[in-house]
Amino acid sequence: MTAPRGAASDTSSILIVDDMEENLVALEAVLGSLARVVRAHSGEEALKAMLRQEFAVALIDVLMPGMNGFETAENIKGLDQTKDIPIILLTGAAVDPNYAYRGYTVGAADFLIKPFDPWLLRTKVNVFLELHRKNRQLADQAEQLTRLLAVDVPAQPPEEQHRLADVERQLAQVKSMLRDGERTGTEPSGLADRIAALEQAVGRLVEGSGR
């Protein structure tokens, strides 16, 4: 079953985008054992798929008719719902040397030239999958803390309001770090420790409100 966008899911998905069916078949053969793979035959199909569900990473061919890979990536990064999805652009060997630079300017996290080593491709994609799974878990913890603050922590007396405001500010920072980390394919340093400390801080606020 496909997890809708915004819903928590234990299953990360990969989006592959290419106008040539044989390329999609080859990519799915390499990546299919890592996660669920969803195919799109054009940039337009890719955007529709991304608005329907969440993806850990998207692999997009550059040379497609209609909306090419650069335009597809630019449109993905231009939408609030999809801007944090990391993108790997794929292209053939006989390409303009400026393609890689152009790919990074439109927000791609990586750029691979065909034919690529299947092991290398799997390794790169797996980094994004693991990061997505870890970030989803941390994001769920952060969201649970936000709900606890809203439901279980009543209005604080003036002398305690600064503690509540500090926790809310740190939670907002954690959520921003999660989004940035997923978009760039990097793991924010110390994020798990920060969430653990926030859990303790929210627990003290809840306990204090019961006195």
N, C-alpha and C. Protein backbone atom coordinates (compact mmCIF):
# COMPACT_ATOMS: atom_id res chain seq x y z
N MET A 1 0.85 -1.20 0.00
CA MET A 1 0.00 0.00 0.00
C MET A 1 0.88 1.25 0.00
N THR A 2 0.56 2.21 -0.77
CA THR A 2 1.34 3.45 -0.88
C THR A 2 0.99 4.38 0.27
N ALA A 3 2.03 4.88 0.94
CA ALA A 3 1.82 5.84 2.03
C ALA A 3 1.58 7.21 1.43
N PRO A 4 0.47 7.87 1.78
CA PRO A 4 0.22 9.21 1.24
C PRO A 4 1.21 10.21 1.77
N ARG A 5 1.36 11.32 1.04
CA ARG A 5 2.30 12.36 1.47
C ARG A 5 1.91 12.86 2.85
N GLY A 6 2.94 12.96 3.72
CA GLY A 6 2.72 13.45 5.06
C GLY A 6 2.41 12.37 6.06
N ALA A 7 2.11 11.14 5.61
CA ALA A 7 1.81 10.05 6.53
C ALA A 7 3.09 9.33 6.89
N ALA A 8 3.15 8.87 8.14
CA ALA A 8 4.31 8.11 8.58
C ALA A 8 4.28 6.74 7.93
N SER A 9 5.44 6.24 7.54
CA SER A 9 5.51 4.92 6.91
C SER A 9 6.86 4.32 7.21
N ASP A 10 6.88 2.97 7.44
CA ASP A 10 8.13 2.28 7.66
C ASP A 10 8.82 1.98 6.34
N THR A 11 8.13 2.16 5.23
CA THR A 11 8.66 1.81 3.92
C THR A 11 9.03 3.07 3.15
N SER A 12 10.33 3.22 2.88
CA SER A 12 10.78 4.34 2.06
C SER A 12 10.64 3.96 0.59
N SER A 13 10.38 4.95 -0.25
CA SER A 13 10.19 4.70 -1.67
C SER A 13 11.19 5.51 -2.49
N ILE A 14 11.51 4.96 -3.67
CA ILE A 14 12.42 5.60 -4.62
C ILE A 14 11.62 5.94 -5.87
N LEU A 15 11.79 7.16 -6.37
CA LEU A 15 11.16 7.54 -7.63
C LEU A 15 12.22 7.55 -8.73
N ILE A 16 11.95 6.83 -9.83
CA ILE A 16 12.86 6.84 -10.98
C ILE A 16 12.13 7.46 -12.17
N VAL A 17 12.81 8.37 -12.87
CA VAL A 17 12.16 9.14 -13.93
C VAL A 17 13.00 9.06 -15.20
N ASP A 18 12.40 8.50 -16.25
CA ASP A 18 13.10 8.38 -17.54
C ASP A 18 12.04 8.14 -18.61
N ASP A 19 12.23 8.72 -19.78
CA ASP A 19 11.25 8.52 -20.85
C ASP A 19 11.44 7.20 -21.57
N MET A 20 12.56 6.51 -21.31
CA MET A 20 12.83 5.24 -21.97
C MET A 20 12.56 4.08 -21.02
N GLU A 21 11.64 3.20 -21.41
CA GLU A 21 11.21 2.10 -20.57
C GLU A 21 12.38 1.19 -20.19
N GLU A 22 13.29 0.93 -21.13
CA GLU A 22 14.41 0.02 -20.83
C GLU A 22 15.32 0.58 -19.74
N ASN A 23 15.43 1.91 -19.67
CA ASN A 23 16.23 2.52 -18.60
C ASN A 23 15.54 2.37 -17.25
N LEU A 24 14.23 2.50 -17.24
CA LEU A 24 13.47 2.31 -16.00
C LEU A 24 13.59 0.88 -15.51
N VAL A 25 13.50 -0.07 -16.44
CA VAL A 25 13.63 -1.48 -16.09
C VAL A 25 15.00 -1.76 -15.48
N ALA A 26 16.05 -1.19 -16.09
CA ALA A 26 17.41 -1.41 -15.59
C ALA A 26 17.60 -0.80 -14.20
N LEU A 27 17.08 0.40 -14.00
CA LEU A 27 17.20 1.05 -12.69
C LEU A 27 16.45 0.26 -11.62
N GLU A 28 15.26 -0.19 -11.96
CA GLU A 28 14.47 -0.95 -10.98
C GLU A 28 15.16 -2.28 -10.63
N ALA A 29 15.82 -2.89 -11.60
CA ALA A 29 16.54 -4.13 -11.35
C ALA A 29 17.68 -3.92 -10.35
N VAL A 30 18.32 -2.76 -10.43
CA VAL A 30 19.43 -2.45 -9.53
C VAL A 30 18.94 -2.05 -8.15
N LEU A 31 17.85 -1.29 -8.09
CA LEU A 31 17.42 -0.67 -6.83
C LEU A 31 16.24 -1.36 -6.16
N GLY A 32 15.60 -2.27 -6.86
CA GLY A 32 14.36 -2.86 -6.36
C GLY A 32 14.48 -3.58 -5.03
N SER A 33 15.66 -4.12 -4.74
CA SER A 33 15.83 -4.84 -3.48
C SER A 33 16.06 -3.91 -2.29
N LEU A 34 16.29 -2.63 -2.56
CA LEU A 34 16.56 -1.67 -1.48
C LEU A 34 15.26 -1.09 -0.91
N ALA A 35 14.29 -0.83 -1.77
CA ALA A 35 13.06 -0.17 -1.34
C ALA A 35 12.03 -0.28 -2.46
N ARG A 36 10.83 0.18 -2.18
CA ARG A 36 9.79 0.20 -3.21
C ARG A 36 10.17 1.24 -4.27
N VAL A 37 10.06 0.84 -5.54
CA VAL A 37 10.43 1.72 -6.65
C VAL A 37 9.17 2.12 -7.42
N VAL A 38 9.03 3.42 -7.66
CA VAL A 38 7.91 3.96 -8.44
C VAL A 38 8.47 4.56 -9.71
N ARG A 39 7.87 4.23 -10.85
CA ARG A 39 8.34 4.72 -12.15
C ARG A 39 7.54 5.94 -12.60
N ALA A 40 8.23 6.84 -13.31
CA ALA A 40 7.58 7.95 -14.00
C ALA A 40 8.26 8.10 -15.35
N HIS A 41 7.47 8.31 -16.41
CA HIS A 41 8.01 8.39 -17.76
C HIS A 41 8.26 9.82 -18.24
N SER A 42 8.00 10.79 -17.37
CA SER A 42 8.20 12.20 -17.75
C SER A 42 8.30 13.05 -16.50
N GLY A 43 8.74 14.28 -16.69
CA GLY A 43 8.79 15.21 -15.56
C GLY A 43 7.41 15.49 -14.99
N GLU A 44 6.43 15.58 -15.87
CA GLU A 44 5.05 15.83 -15.42
C GLU A 44 4.55 14.69 -14.55
N GLU A 45 4.82 13.45 -14.97
CA GLU A 45 4.41 12.28 -14.18
C GLU A 45 5.12 12.28 -12.83
N ALA A 46 6.39 12.68 -12.83
CA ALA A 46 7.16 12.70 -11.60
C ALA A 46 6.56 13.68 -10.59
N LEU A 47 6.20 14.87 -11.05
CA LEU A 47 5.62 15.86 -10.15
C LEU A 47 4.30 15.37 -9.57
N LYS A 48 3.47 14.74 -10.39
CA LYS A 48 2.20 14.21 -9.90
C LYS A 48 2.43 13.13 -8.84
N ALA A 49 3.41 12.25 -9.10
CA ALA A 49 3.71 11.18 -8.14
C ALA A 49 4.18 11.75 -6.81
N MET A 50 5.02 12.80 -6.87
CA MET A 50 5.56 13.39 -5.65
C MET A 50 4.50 14.09 -4.82
N LEU A 51 3.48 14.62 -5.48
CA LEU A 51 2.40 15.28 -4.75
C LEU A 51 1.45 14.26 -4.12
N ARG A 52 1.50 13.01 -4.61
CA ARG A 52 0.63 11.97 -4.06
C ARG A 52 1.26 11.26 -2.87
N GLN A 53 2.59 11.10 -2.90
CA GLN A 53 3.23 10.33 -1.84
C GLN A 53 4.63 10.87 -1.57
N GLU A 54 5.23 10.35 -0.52
CA GLU A 54 6.54 10.81 -0.10
C GLU A 54 7.62 9.87 -0.63
N PHE A 55 8.75 10.44 -1.03
CA PHE A 55 9.88 9.65 -1.53
C PHE A 55 11.14 9.98 -0.75
N ALA A 56 11.99 8.96 -0.59
CA ALA A 56 13.27 9.17 0.07
C ALA A 56 14.27 9.82 -0.87
N VAL A 57 14.15 9.53 -2.17
CA VAL A 57 15.08 10.06 -3.16
C VAL A 57 14.46 9.91 -4.55
N ALA A 58 14.83 10.79 -5.47
CA ALA A 58 14.37 10.71 -6.85
C ALA A 58 15.57 10.67 -7.78
N LEU A 59 15.56 9.73 -8.73
CA LEU A 59 16.60 9.64 -9.76
C LEU A 59 15.97 10.08 -11.07
N ILE A 60 16.52 11.12 -11.68
CA ILE A 60 15.88 11.75 -12.85
C ILE A 60 16.86 11.84 -14.01
N ASP A 61 16.45 11.31 -15.15
CA ASP A 61 17.25 11.42 -16.36
C ASP A 61 17.22 12.87 -16.87
N VAL A 62 18.35 13.36 -17.30
CA VAL A 62 18.43 14.76 -17.75
C VAL A 62 17.78 14.95 -19.12
N LEU A 63 18.08 14.04 -20.07
CA LEU A 63 17.67 14.24 -21.46
C LEU A 63 16.33 13.59 -21.74
N MET A 64 15.26 14.26 -21.35
CA MET A 64 13.91 13.79 -21.61
C MET A 64 13.20 14.81 -22.49
N PRO A 65 12.32 14.37 -23.38
CA PRO A 65 11.53 15.31 -24.19
C PRO A 65 10.54 16.06 -23.31
N GLY A 66 10.11 17.21 -23.76
CA GLY A 66 9.19 18.00 -22.95
C GLY A 66 9.94 18.63 -21.79
N MET A 67 9.51 18.35 -20.58
CA MET A 67 10.18 18.85 -19.38
C MET A 67 11.43 18.00 -19.12
N ASN A 68 12.61 18.58 -19.35
CA ASN A 68 13.83 17.79 -19.16
C ASN A 68 14.16 17.64 -17.67
N GLY A 69 15.26 16.93 -17.39
CA GLY A 69 15.61 16.65 -16.00
C GLY A 69 15.91 17.89 -15.18
N PHE A 70 16.58 18.87 -15.78
CA PHE A 70 16.88 20.10 -15.05
C PHE A 70 15.59 20.84 -14.69
N GLU A 71 14.68 20.93 -15.65
CA GLU A 71 13.41 21.62 -15.40
C GLU A 71 12.57 20.87 -14.37
N THR A 72 12.61 19.54 -14.44
CA THR A 72 11.88 18.74 -13.46
C THR A 72 12.42 18.99 -12.06
N ALA A 73 13.76 18.96 -11.93
CA ALA A 73 14.38 19.21 -10.62
C ALA A 73 14.04 20.60 -10.11
N GLU A 74 14.09 21.58 -11.00
CA GLU A 74 13.78 22.96 -10.60
C GLU A 74 12.34 23.09 -10.12
N ASN A 75 11.42 22.41 -10.80
CA ASN A 75 10.02 22.45 -10.38
C ASN A 75 9.82 21.74 -9.04
N ILE A 76 10.53 20.63 -8.84
CA ILE A 76 10.43 19.91 -7.56
C ILE A 76 10.91 20.80 -6.43
N LYS A 77 12.03 21.46 -6.63
CA LYS A 77 12.60 22.32 -5.58
C LYS A 77 11.79 23.59 -5.38
N GLY A 78 10.93 23.91 -6.34
CA GLY A 78 10.12 25.12 -6.23
C GLY A 78 8.81 24.93 -5.49
N LEU A 79 8.47 23.69 -5.15
CA LEU A 79 7.22 23.41 -4.44
C LEU A 79 7.50 23.08 -2.98
N ASP A 80 6.73 23.69 -2.08
CA ASP A 80 6.93 23.44 -0.65
C ASP A 80 6.77 21.96 -0.30
N GLN A 81 5.83 21.28 -1.00
CA GLN A 81 5.55 19.88 -0.66
C GLN A 81 6.69 18.94 -1.08
N THR A 82 7.51 19.36 -2.04
CA THR A 82 8.52 18.44 -2.59
C THR A 82 9.95 18.97 -2.50
N LYS A 83 10.15 20.17 -2.03
CA LYS A 83 11.47 20.80 -2.12
C LYS A 83 12.55 20.08 -1.32
N ASP A 84 12.16 19.27 -0.31
CA ASP A 84 13.16 18.60 0.53
C ASP A 84 13.56 17.22 0.01
N ILE A 85 12.96 16.76 -1.09
CA ILE A 85 13.31 15.44 -1.62
C ILE A 85 14.65 15.52 -2.34
N PRO A 86 15.64 14.72 -1.93
CA PRO A 86 16.94 14.76 -2.62
C PRO A 86 16.83 14.19 -4.03
N ILE A 87 17.58 14.78 -4.94
CA ILE A 87 17.52 14.41 -6.36
C ILE A 87 18.90 13.98 -6.85
N ILE A 88 18.94 12.84 -7.55
CA ILE A 88 20.15 12.41 -8.26
C ILE A 88 19.85 12.52 -9.75
N LEU A 89 20.60 13.34 -10.47
CA LEU A 89 20.42 13.48 -11.91
C LEU A 89 21.30 12.47 -12.65
N LEU A 90 20.74 11.89 -13.72
CA LEU A 90 21.44 10.87 -14.50
C LEU A 90 21.53 11.33 -15.95
N THR A 91 22.69 11.09 -16.58
CA THR A 91 22.82 11.45 -17.99
C THR A 91 23.88 10.59 -18.66
N GLY A 92 23.91 10.60 -20.00
CA GLY A 92 24.88 9.82 -20.76
C GLY A 92 26.26 10.44 -20.73
N ALA A 93 27.23 9.70 -21.25
CA ALA A 93 28.63 10.15 -21.20
C ALA A 93 28.89 11.35 -22.09
N ALA A 94 28.27 11.41 -23.26
CA ALA A 94 28.53 12.50 -24.20
C ALA A 94 27.65 13.70 -23.87
N VAL A 95 28.02 14.41 -22.82
CA VAL A 95 27.21 15.54 -22.36
C VAL A 95 28.06 16.79 -22.23
N ASP A 96 27.38 17.89 -22.16
CA ASP A 96 28.03 19.18 -21.93
C ASP A 96 28.72 19.14 -20.56
N PRO A 97 29.99 19.54 -20.47
CA PRO A 97 30.70 19.51 -19.19
C PRO A 97 30.06 20.41 -18.14
N ASN A 98 29.22 21.34 -18.57
CA ASN A 98 28.55 22.22 -17.61
C ASN A 98 27.29 21.60 -17.01
N TYR A 99 26.92 20.39 -17.47
CA TYR A 99 25.71 19.77 -16.97
C TYR A 99 25.74 19.55 -15.46
N ALA A 100 26.89 19.07 -14.97
CA ALA A 100 26.99 18.81 -13.53
C ALA A 100 26.78 20.10 -12.74
N TYR A 101 27.44 21.17 -13.17
CA TYR A 101 27.27 22.46 -12.49
C TYR A 101 25.81 22.91 -12.54
N ARG A 102 25.19 22.76 -13.70
CA ARG A 102 23.80 23.17 -13.84
C ARG A 102 22.90 22.32 -12.92
N GLY A 103 23.23 21.03 -12.81
CA GLY A 103 22.44 20.16 -11.94
C GLY A 103 22.48 20.62 -10.50
N TYR A 104 23.66 20.97 -10.03
CA TYR A 104 23.77 21.42 -8.64
C TYR A 104 23.09 22.77 -8.43
N THR A 105 23.09 23.62 -9.44
CA THR A 105 22.44 24.93 -9.28
C THR A 105 20.92 24.81 -9.18
N VAL A 106 20.34 23.73 -9.74
CA VAL A 106 18.89 23.56 -9.63
C VAL A 106 18.51 22.74 -8.39
N GLY A 107 19.52 22.38 -7.59
CA GLY A 107 19.22 21.74 -6.32
C GLY A 107 19.47 20.25 -6.24
N ALA A 108 20.10 19.66 -7.27
CA ALA A 108 20.39 18.23 -7.23
C ALA A 108 21.44 17.94 -6.15
N ALA A 109 21.27 16.79 -5.48
CA ALA A 109 22.23 16.39 -4.46
C ALA A 109 23.41 15.65 -5.06
N ASP A 110 23.20 15.04 -6.24
CA ASP A 110 24.28 14.29 -6.88
C ASP A 110 24.03 14.22 -8.39
N PHE A 111 25.08 13.86 -9.13
CA PHE A 111 25.01 13.82 -10.59
C PHE A 111 25.82 12.63 -11.06
N LEU A 112 25.18 11.68 -11.74
CA LEU A 112 25.87 10.47 -12.19
C LEU A 112 25.82 10.37 -13.71
N ILE A 113 26.92 9.90 -14.29
CA ILE A 113 27.03 9.74 -15.74
C ILE A 113 26.91 8.26 -16.11
N LYS A 114 26.04 7.97 -17.07
CA LYS A 114 25.87 6.59 -17.55
C LYS A 114 27.03 6.23 -18.48
N PRO A 115 27.42 4.95 -18.56
CA PRO A 115 26.92 3.87 -17.70
C PRO A 115 27.56 3.95 -16.32
N PHE A 116 26.78 3.76 -15.27
CA PHE A 116 27.32 3.84 -13.93
C PHE A 116 27.43 2.45 -13.32
N ASP A 117 28.31 2.35 -12.36
CA ASP A 117 28.53 1.09 -11.64
C ASP A 117 27.29 0.81 -10.78
N PRO A 118 26.62 -0.33 -10.96
CA PRO A 118 25.43 -0.63 -10.16
C PRO A 118 25.69 -0.60 -8.66
N TRP A 119 26.87 -1.07 -8.25
CA TRP A 119 27.20 -1.05 -6.82
C TRP A 119 27.29 0.38 -6.31
N LEU A 120 27.91 1.26 -7.10
CA LEU A 120 28.03 2.66 -6.70
C LEU A 120 26.65 3.31 -6.60
N LEU A 121 25.80 3.03 -7.58
CA LEU A 121 24.45 3.60 -7.56
C LEU A 121 23.69 3.13 -6.34
N ARG A 122 23.74 1.83 -6.05
CA ARG A 122 23.04 1.29 -4.88
C ARG A 122 23.57 1.93 -3.60
N THR A 123 24.88 2.12 -3.53
CA THR A 123 25.48 2.70 -2.32
C THR A 123 24.99 4.13 -2.11
N LYS A 124 24.99 4.92 -3.19
CA LYS A 124 24.55 6.31 -3.07
C LYS A 124 23.07 6.39 -2.69
N VAL A 125 22.25 5.57 -3.34
CA VAL A 125 20.81 5.60 -3.05
C VAL A 125 20.55 5.13 -1.62
N ASN A 126 21.29 4.12 -1.19
CA ASN A 126 21.08 3.60 0.16
C ASN A 126 21.38 4.62 1.24
N VAL A 127 22.34 5.51 0.98
CA VAL A 127 22.63 6.59 1.93
C VAL A 127 21.39 7.45 2.15
N PHE A 128 20.71 7.79 1.06
CA PHE A 128 19.49 8.61 1.17
C PHE A 128 18.35 7.84 1.83
N LEU A 129 18.26 6.54 1.54
CA LEU A 129 17.20 5.73 2.16
C LEU A 129 17.39 5.66 3.68
N GLU A 130 18.61 5.37 4.11
CA GLU A 130 18.87 5.27 5.54
C GLU A 130 18.66 6.61 6.23
N LEU A 131 19.09 7.68 5.58
CA LEU A 131 18.90 9.01 6.14
C LEU A 131 17.41 9.34 6.25
N HIS A 132 16.64 8.99 5.23
CA HIS A 132 15.21 9.25 5.24
C HIS A 132 14.53 8.49 6.38
N ARG A 133 14.87 7.22 6.54
CA ARG A 133 14.28 6.42 7.62
C ARG A 133 14.62 6.98 8.99
N LYS A 134 15.87 7.35 9.16
CA LYS A 134 16.30 7.90 10.44
C LYS A 134 15.62 9.24 10.71
N ASN A 135 15.56 10.09 9.68
CA ASN A 135 14.92 11.39 9.85
C ASN A 135 13.43 11.27 10.11
N ARG A 136 12.78 10.27 9.48
CA ARG A 136 11.35 10.05 9.75
C ARG A 136 11.13 9.70 11.21
N GLN A 137 12.00 8.85 11.74
CA GLN A 137 11.88 8.46 13.15
C GLN A 137 12.08 9.66 14.05
N LEU A 138 13.10 10.47 13.77
CA LEU A 138 13.35 11.66 14.58
C LEU A 138 12.22 12.68 14.43
N ALA A 139 11.70 12.81 13.18
CA ALA A 139 10.60 13.75 12.95
C ALA A 139 9.35 13.32 13.72
N ASP A 140 9.10 12.02 13.78
CA ASP A 140 7.95 11.52 14.55
C ASP A 140 8.11 11.84 16.03
N GLN A 141 9.34 11.70 16.54
CA GLN A 141 9.60 12.03 17.95
C GLN A 141 9.37 13.52 18.19
N ALA A 142 9.86 14.36 17.27
CA ALA A 142 9.69 15.80 17.42
C ALA A 142 8.21 16.18 17.36
N GLU A 143 7.45 15.54 16.46
CA GLU A 143 6.03 15.84 16.34
C GLU A 143 5.27 15.41 17.59
N GLN A 144 5.68 14.28 18.16
CA GLN A 144 5.05 13.82 19.41
C GLN A 144 5.29 14.81 20.54
N LEU A 145 6.50 15.36 20.60
CA LEU A 145 6.81 16.37 21.61
C LEU A 145 5.96 17.63 21.40
N THR A 146 5.77 18.01 20.15
CA THR A 146 4.93 19.17 19.85
C THR A 146 3.51 18.95 20.34
N ARG A 147 2.98 17.74 20.12
CA ARG A 147 1.62 17.43 20.59
C ARG A 147 1.55 17.43 22.12
N LEU A 148 2.59 16.92 22.76
CA LEU A 148 2.62 16.92 24.23
C LEU A 148 2.59 18.34 24.77
N LEU A 149 3.35 19.22 24.12
CA LEU A 149 3.35 20.62 24.56
C LEU A 149 1.97 21.24 24.42
N ALA A 150 1.27 20.88 23.34
CA ALA A 150 -0.04 21.48 23.08
C ALA A 150 -1.13 20.92 23.99
N VAL A 151 -1.01 19.64 24.35
CA VAL A 151 -2.10 18.97 25.07
C VAL A 151 -1.83 18.84 26.56
N ASP A 152 -0.62 18.42 26.91
CA ASP A 152 -0.33 18.05 28.29
C ASP A 152 0.32 19.15 29.12
N VAL A 153 0.75 20.22 28.47
CA VAL A 153 1.39 21.32 29.22
C VAL A 153 0.46 22.52 29.19
N PRO A 154 -0.23 22.82 30.30
CA PRO A 154 -1.14 23.96 30.32
C PRO A 154 -0.38 25.28 30.35
N ALA A 155 -1.12 26.35 30.38
CA ALA A 155 -0.50 27.68 30.44
C ALA A 155 0.42 27.77 31.66
N GLN A 156 1.62 28.24 31.44
CA GLN A 156 2.62 28.31 32.51
C GLN A 156 2.55 29.67 33.22
N PRO A 157 2.90 29.68 34.51
CA PRO A 157 2.99 30.96 35.20
C PRO A 157 4.09 31.81 34.59
N PRO A 158 4.02 33.11 34.75
CA PRO A 158 4.98 34.01 34.09
C PRO A 158 6.43 33.61 34.30
N GLU A 159 6.78 33.16 35.51
CA GLU A 159 8.18 32.84 35.79
C GLU A 159 8.66 31.57 35.07
N GLU A 160 7.70 30.75 34.54
CA GLU A 160 8.06 29.51 33.85
C GLU A 160 7.87 29.60 32.34
N GLN A 161 7.29 30.69 31.87
CA GLN A 161 6.98 30.78 30.45
C GLN A 161 8.22 30.77 29.58
N HIS A 162 9.33 31.25 30.10
CA HIS A 162 10.56 31.26 29.31
C HIS A 162 11.05 29.85 29.02
N ARG A 163 10.80 28.90 29.95
CA ARG A 163 11.19 27.50 29.73
C ARG A 163 10.38 26.89 28.59
N LEU A 164 9.07 27.16 28.59
CA LEU A 164 8.21 26.65 27.52
C LEU A 164 8.61 27.26 26.18
N ALA A 165 8.87 28.56 26.16
CA ALA A 165 9.26 29.22 24.92
C ALA A 165 10.58 28.67 24.39
N ASP A 166 11.51 28.36 25.30
CA ASP A 166 12.81 27.82 24.89
C ASP A 166 12.65 26.44 24.26
N VAL A 167 11.80 25.60 24.85
CA VAL A 167 11.55 24.26 24.30
C VAL A 167 10.91 24.37 22.92
N GLU A 168 9.93 25.26 22.78
CA GLU A 168 9.27 25.44 21.48
C GLU A 168 10.26 25.93 20.43
N ARG A 169 11.15 26.84 20.82
CA ARG A 169 12.15 27.35 19.88
C ARG A 169 13.10 26.24 19.44
N GLN A 170 13.55 25.41 20.40
CA GLN A 170 14.46 24.32 20.06
C GLN A 170 13.78 23.27 19.18
N LEU A 171 12.50 23.02 19.42
CA LEU A 171 11.76 22.08 18.58
C LEU A 171 11.69 22.59 17.14
N ALA A 172 11.44 23.88 16.97
CA ALA A 172 11.40 24.47 15.63
C ALA A 172 12.75 24.33 14.94
N GLN A 173 13.84 24.51 15.69
CA GLN A 173 15.18 24.35 15.12
C GLN A 173 15.44 22.91 14.69
N VAL A 174 14.99 21.95 15.51
CA VAL A 174 15.17 20.54 15.20
C VAL A 174 14.45 20.19 13.90
N LYS A 175 13.22 20.66 13.74
CA LYS A 175 12.45 20.37 12.52
C LYS A 175 13.13 20.98 11.30
N SER A 176 13.69 22.17 11.45
CA SER A 176 14.40 22.81 10.34
C SER A 176 15.65 22.02 9.98
N MET A 177 16.37 21.53 10.98
CA MET A 177 17.58 20.73 10.74
C MET A 177 17.25 19.43 10.04
N LEU A 178 16.12 18.82 10.41
CA LEU A 178 15.69 17.58 9.75
C LEU A 178 15.42 17.82 8.27
N ARG A 179 14.71 18.91 7.96
CA ARG A 179 14.41 19.22 6.56
C ARG A 179 15.68 19.48 5.77
N ASP A 180 16.60 20.24 6.36
CA ASP A 180 17.84 20.57 5.66
C ASP A 180 18.68 19.31 5.43
N GLY A 181 18.74 18.45 6.44
CA GLY A 181 19.54 17.23 6.33
C GLY A 181 19.02 16.30 5.26
N GLU A 182 17.71 16.16 5.18
CA GLU A 182 17.13 15.27 4.17
C GLU A 182 17.33 15.82 2.76
N ARG A 183 17.24 17.13 2.63
CA ARG A 183 17.39 17.75 1.31
C ARG A 183 18.81 17.62 0.79
N THR A 184 19.81 17.73 1.69
CA THR A 184 21.21 17.72 1.26
C THR A 184 21.85 16.35 1.36
N GLY A 185 21.15 15.37 1.96
CA GLY A 185 21.72 14.04 2.09
C GLY A 185 22.77 13.94 3.16
N THR A 186 22.69 14.79 4.18
CA THR A 186 23.63 14.75 5.29
C THR A 186 22.87 14.58 6.60
N GLU A 187 23.54 13.98 7.56
CA GLU A 187 22.92 13.77 8.86
C GLU A 187 23.33 14.89 9.81
N PRO A 188 22.38 15.70 10.29
CA PRO A 188 22.74 16.79 11.20
C PRO A 188 23.41 16.25 12.46
N SER A 189 24.50 16.85 12.82
CA SER A 189 25.27 16.38 13.97
C SER A 189 24.52 16.60 15.28
N GLY A 190 24.48 15.54 16.10
CA GLY A 190 23.92 15.65 17.43
C GLY A 190 22.42 15.80 17.50
N LEU A 191 21.71 15.52 16.41
CA LEU A 191 20.27 15.76 16.39
C LEU A 191 19.53 14.82 17.33
N ALA A 192 19.90 13.55 17.34
CA ALA A 192 19.25 12.59 18.23
C ALA A 192 19.42 12.99 19.69
N ASP A 193 20.61 13.49 20.04
CA ASP A 193 20.87 13.92 21.42
C ASP A 193 20.01 15.14 21.77
N ARG A 194 19.84 16.05 20.81
CA ARG A 194 19.02 17.23 21.06
C ARG A 194 17.56 16.85 21.31
N ILE A 195 17.06 15.87 20.53
CA ILE A 195 15.68 15.44 20.73
C ILE A 195 15.52 14.74 22.07
N ALA A 196 16.52 13.93 22.46
CA ALA A 196 16.48 13.27 23.76
C ALA A 196 16.44 14.30 24.90
N ALA A 197 17.24 15.36 24.76
CA ALA A 197 17.24 16.41 25.77
C ALA A 197 15.90 17.14 25.81
N LEU A 198 15.30 17.35 24.64
CA LEU A 198 13.99 18.00 24.59
C LEU A 198 12.91 17.13 25.21
N GLU A 199 13.02 15.81 25.03
CA GLU A 199 12.06 14.90 25.67
C GLU A 199 12.11 15.05 27.19
N GLN A 200 13.31 15.17 27.72
CA GLN A 200 13.47 15.36 29.17
C GLN A 200 12.89 16.71 29.61
N ALA A 201 13.14 17.74 28.78
CA ALA A 201 12.63 19.07 29.12
C ALA A 201 11.11 19.11 29.10
N VAL A 202 10.49 18.47 28.10
CA VAL A 202 9.04 18.42 28.04
C VAL A 202 8.49 17.60 29.19
N GLY A 203 9.17 16.52 29.54
CA GLY A 203 8.75 15.71 30.69
C GLY A 203 8.75 16.51 31.98
N ARG A 204 9.75 17.38 32.17
CA ARG A 204 9.80 18.21 33.38
C ARG A 204 8.65 19.22 33.38
N LEU A 205 8.34 19.78 32.19
CA LEU A 205 7.21 20.72 32.11
C LEU A 205 5.90 20.04 32.44
N VAL A 206 5.71 18.81 31.93
CA VAL A 206 4.49 18.07 32.21
C VAL A 206 4.39 17.74 33.70
N GLU A 207 5.50 17.28 34.28
CA GLU A 207 5.49 16.96 35.70
C GLU A 207 5.26 18.19 36.55
N GLY A 208 5.87 19.30 36.13
CA GLY A 208 5.70 20.55 36.89
C GLY A 208 4.27 21.05 36.86
N SER A 209 3.56 20.79 35.74
CA SER A 209 2.19 21.26 35.65
C SER A 209 1.24 20.46 36.52
N GLY A 210 1.69 19.26 36.95
CA GLY A 210 0.83 18.43 37.78
C GLY A 210 0.96 18.73 39.25
N ARG A 211 1.90 19.60 39.61
CA ARG A 211 2.07 19.90 41.03
C ARG A 211 1.05 20.92 41.49
